[in-house]
Amino acid sequence: MTRTAATRRHMPTSPFKAPAAPPTPETFVVGDMVTDDQYGLGRITGVEGETAVMVDFGARQVRVTTPFSKLSKL
């Protein structure tokens, strides 16, 4: 018999902080200015739903897939 872990509920009277909600994924539209840790400043040239974006960094075009952890909107 296998057991599954139950999720813990946060009690309103608990002295501890409630668990943080997962961060919402950032959404991009064509034309947004972005910055990346590795490539620098760029502009969104294409959006493939919520899975990937095409970014023009001047010297090169890069397809960035989710999660967009290193890509931030300016």
N, C-alpha and C. Protein backbone atom coordinates (compact mmCIF):
# COMPACT_ATOMS: atom_id res chain seq x y z
N MET A 1 0.84 -1.16 0.00
CA MET A 1 0.00 0.00 0.00
C MET A 1 0.90 1.24 0.00
N THR A 2 0.64 2.14 -0.94
CA THR A 2 1.43 3.37 -1.00
C THR A 2 0.62 4.52 -0.43
N ARG A 3 1.34 5.42 0.24
CA ARG A 3 0.69 6.59 0.82
C ARG A 3 1.15 7.82 0.07
N THR A 4 0.25 8.75 -0.09
CA THR A 4 0.62 10.02 -0.70
C THR A 4 0.68 11.08 0.39
N ALA A 5 1.60 11.99 0.22
CA ALA A 5 1.75 13.04 1.22
C ALA A 5 0.59 14.02 1.13
N ALA A 6 0.05 14.36 2.26
CA ALA A 6 -1.04 15.33 2.31
C ALA A 6 -0.44 16.73 2.38
N THR A 7 -1.08 17.69 1.74
CA THR A 7 -0.61 19.06 1.82
C THR A 7 -1.09 19.66 3.14
N ARG A 8 -0.23 20.44 3.74
CA ARG A 8 -0.57 21.03 5.03
C ARG A 8 -1.35 22.32 4.83
N ARG A 9 -2.37 22.48 5.63
CA ARG A 9 -3.14 23.71 5.60
C ARG A 9 -2.53 24.70 6.57
N HIS A 10 -2.62 25.98 6.25
CA HIS A 10 -2.17 27.02 7.15
C HIS A 10 -3.35 27.46 8.00
N MET A 11 -3.20 27.34 9.29
CA MET A 11 -4.26 27.73 10.20
C MET A 11 -4.23 29.24 10.41
N PRO A 12 -5.36 29.91 10.36
CA PRO A 12 -5.40 31.37 10.51
C PRO A 12 -4.84 31.85 11.85
N THR A 13 -4.91 31.02 12.87
CA THR A 13 -4.43 31.42 14.20
C THR A 13 -2.96 31.07 14.42
N SER A 14 -2.30 30.51 13.43
CA SER A 14 -0.90 30.10 13.56
C SER A 14 0.01 31.32 13.69
N PRO A 15 1.02 31.24 14.57
CA PRO A 15 1.96 32.36 14.70
C PRO A 15 3.00 32.40 13.59
N PHE A 16 3.02 31.39 12.76
CA PHE A 16 3.99 31.30 11.67
C PHE A 16 3.42 31.90 10.39
N LYS A 17 4.31 32.37 9.53
CA LYS A 17 3.88 32.96 8.27
C LYS A 17 3.27 31.90 7.36
N ALA A 18 2.30 32.33 6.58
CA ALA A 18 1.70 31.44 5.60
C ALA A 18 2.71 31.18 4.50
N PRO A 19 2.72 29.99 3.89
CA PRO A 19 3.66 29.73 2.80
C PRO A 19 3.41 30.68 1.64
N ALA A 20 4.48 31.10 1.02
CA ALA A 20 4.38 32.04 -0.10
C ALA A 20 3.74 31.36 -1.30
N ALA A 21 2.91 32.11 -1.99
CA ALA A 21 2.29 31.58 -3.21
C ALA A 21 3.35 31.49 -4.30
N PRO A 22 3.25 30.52 -5.19
CA PRO A 22 4.24 30.43 -6.26
C PRO A 22 4.20 31.68 -7.13
N PRO A 23 5.37 32.15 -7.57
CA PRO A 23 5.38 33.37 -8.38
C PRO A 23 4.69 33.16 -9.72
N THR A 24 3.98 34.19 -10.16
CA THR A 24 3.31 34.09 -11.45
C THR A 24 4.34 34.29 -12.55
N PRO A 25 4.27 33.51 -13.60
CA PRO A 25 5.25 33.66 -14.67
C PRO A 25 5.08 35.00 -15.37
N GLU A 26 6.21 35.60 -15.73
CA GLU A 26 6.16 36.89 -16.41
C GLU A 26 5.72 36.69 -17.85
N THR A 27 4.88 37.58 -18.34
CA THR A 27 4.42 37.49 -19.72
C THR A 27 5.05 38.62 -20.53
N PHE A 28 5.36 38.31 -21.76
CA PHE A 28 6.01 39.27 -22.65
C PHE A 28 5.18 39.45 -23.90
N VAL A 29 5.25 40.64 -24.50
CA VAL A 29 4.61 40.92 -25.78
C VAL A 29 5.67 41.45 -26.73
N VAL A 30 5.40 41.34 -28.02
CA VAL A 30 6.34 41.80 -29.03
C VAL A 30 6.61 43.29 -28.83
N GLY A 31 7.87 43.65 -28.80
CA GLY A 31 8.27 45.04 -28.63
C GLY A 31 8.76 45.37 -27.23
N ASP A 32 8.56 44.47 -26.25
CA ASP A 32 9.03 44.73 -24.89
C ASP A 32 10.55 44.79 -24.85
N MET A 33 11.09 45.73 -24.10
CA MET A 33 12.52 45.80 -23.86
C MET A 33 12.83 44.92 -22.66
N VAL A 34 13.87 44.09 -22.79
CA VAL A 34 14.24 43.16 -21.72
C VAL A 34 15.74 43.21 -21.49
N THR A 35 16.15 42.63 -20.39
CA THR A 35 17.56 42.47 -20.11
C THR A 35 17.80 41.03 -19.67
N ASP A 36 18.98 40.52 -20.01
CA ASP A 36 19.36 39.16 -19.69
C ASP A 36 20.75 39.19 -19.06
N ASP A 37 21.00 38.31 -18.08
CA ASP A 37 22.29 38.29 -17.40
C ASP A 37 23.44 37.98 -18.35
N GLN A 38 23.20 37.13 -19.32
CA GLN A 38 24.27 36.69 -20.22
C GLN A 38 24.40 37.56 -21.47
N TYR A 39 23.26 37.96 -22.08
CA TYR A 39 23.30 38.65 -23.37
C TYR A 39 23.15 40.17 -23.28
N GLY A 40 22.61 40.69 -22.20
CA GLY A 40 22.45 42.14 -22.05
C GLY A 40 21.07 42.61 -22.45
N LEU A 41 21.01 43.82 -23.04
CA LEU A 41 19.73 44.43 -23.42
C LEU A 41 19.21 43.85 -24.72
N GLY A 42 17.89 43.71 -24.82
CA GLY A 42 17.29 43.18 -26.03
C GLY A 42 15.85 43.59 -26.16
N ARG A 43 15.24 43.20 -27.28
CA ARG A 43 13.84 43.50 -27.57
C ARG A 43 13.15 42.21 -28.01
N ILE A 44 11.94 41.98 -27.49
CA ILE A 44 11.15 40.80 -27.85
C ILE A 44 10.70 40.95 -29.30
N THR A 45 11.02 39.94 -30.14
CA THR A 45 10.61 39.98 -31.54
C THR A 45 9.54 38.94 -31.86
N GLY A 46 9.36 37.97 -30.97
CA GLY A 46 8.34 36.95 -31.21
C GLY A 46 7.96 36.26 -29.91
N VAL A 47 6.70 35.85 -29.82
CA VAL A 47 6.20 35.17 -28.63
C VAL A 47 5.56 33.86 -29.08
N GLU A 48 5.96 32.75 -28.45
CA GLU A 48 5.41 31.43 -28.75
C GLU A 48 4.57 30.96 -27.56
N GLY A 49 3.41 31.58 -27.41
CA GLY A 49 2.53 31.24 -26.30
C GLY A 49 3.19 31.59 -24.98
N GLU A 50 3.11 30.67 -24.02
CA GLU A 50 3.75 30.87 -22.73
C GLU A 50 5.00 30.02 -22.60
N THR A 51 5.47 29.43 -23.72
CA THR A 51 6.60 28.50 -23.63
C THR A 51 7.93 29.11 -24.02
N ALA A 52 7.95 30.07 -24.94
CA ALA A 52 9.22 30.64 -25.39
C ALA A 52 9.01 32.01 -26.01
N VAL A 53 10.11 32.78 -26.05
CA VAL A 53 10.12 34.09 -26.71
C VAL A 53 11.39 34.20 -27.54
N MET A 54 11.30 34.96 -28.63
CA MET A 54 12.48 35.27 -29.44
C MET A 54 12.93 36.67 -29.05
N VAL A 55 14.23 36.82 -28.76
CA VAL A 55 14.75 38.09 -28.31
C VAL A 55 15.90 38.50 -29.22
N ASP A 56 15.86 39.76 -29.70
CA ASP A 56 16.93 40.31 -30.52
C ASP A 56 17.85 41.10 -29.60
N PHE A 57 19.08 40.61 -29.44
CA PHE A 57 20.07 41.27 -28.59
C PHE A 57 21.05 42.10 -29.41
N GLY A 58 20.69 42.46 -30.63
CA GLY A 58 21.56 43.26 -31.49
C GLY A 58 22.50 42.38 -32.29
N ALA A 59 23.45 41.77 -31.65
CA ALA A 59 24.43 40.92 -32.33
C ALA A 59 23.86 39.54 -32.66
N ARG A 60 22.84 39.11 -31.94
CA ARG A 60 22.27 37.78 -32.17
C ARG A 60 20.82 37.72 -31.73
N GLN A 61 20.09 36.76 -32.31
CA GLN A 61 18.72 36.48 -31.89
C GLN A 61 18.74 35.18 -31.10
N VAL A 62 18.06 35.18 -29.97
CA VAL A 62 18.07 34.02 -29.08
C VAL A 62 16.64 33.63 -28.76
N ARG A 63 16.37 32.32 -28.76
CA ARG A 63 15.08 31.79 -28.33
C ARG A 63 15.22 31.41 -26.86
N VAL A 64 14.46 32.07 -26.01
CA VAL A 64 14.51 31.82 -24.57
C VAL A 64 13.25 31.07 -24.18
N THR A 65 13.42 29.91 -23.50
CA THR A 65 12.28 29.10 -23.09
C THR A 65 11.98 29.33 -21.62
N THR A 66 10.79 28.89 -21.20
CA THR A 66 10.41 29.03 -19.79
C THR A 66 11.23 28.07 -18.96
N PRO A 67 11.52 28.36 -17.74
CA PRO A 67 11.19 29.56 -17.00
C PRO A 67 12.12 30.70 -17.40
N PHE A 68 11.58 31.90 -17.42
CA PHE A 68 12.35 33.09 -17.82
C PHE A 68 13.07 33.66 -16.61
N SER A 69 13.86 32.85 -15.93
CA SER A 69 14.48 33.29 -14.68
C SER A 69 15.53 34.37 -14.87
N LYS A 70 16.27 34.36 -15.99
CA LYS A 70 17.31 35.35 -16.20
C LYS A 70 16.85 36.51 -17.07
N LEU A 71 15.63 36.45 -17.56
CA LEU A 71 15.09 37.47 -18.45
C LEU A 71 14.13 38.35 -17.67
N SER A 72 14.37 39.65 -17.66
CA SER A 72 13.47 40.53 -16.93
C SER A 72 13.06 41.72 -17.80
N LYS A 73 11.81 42.13 -17.64
CA LYS A 73 11.25 43.23 -18.43
C LYS A 73 11.72 44.56 -17.87
N LEU A 74 12.02 45.49 -18.77
CA LEU A 74 12.42 46.84 -18.33
C LEU A 74 11.26 47.78 -18.35
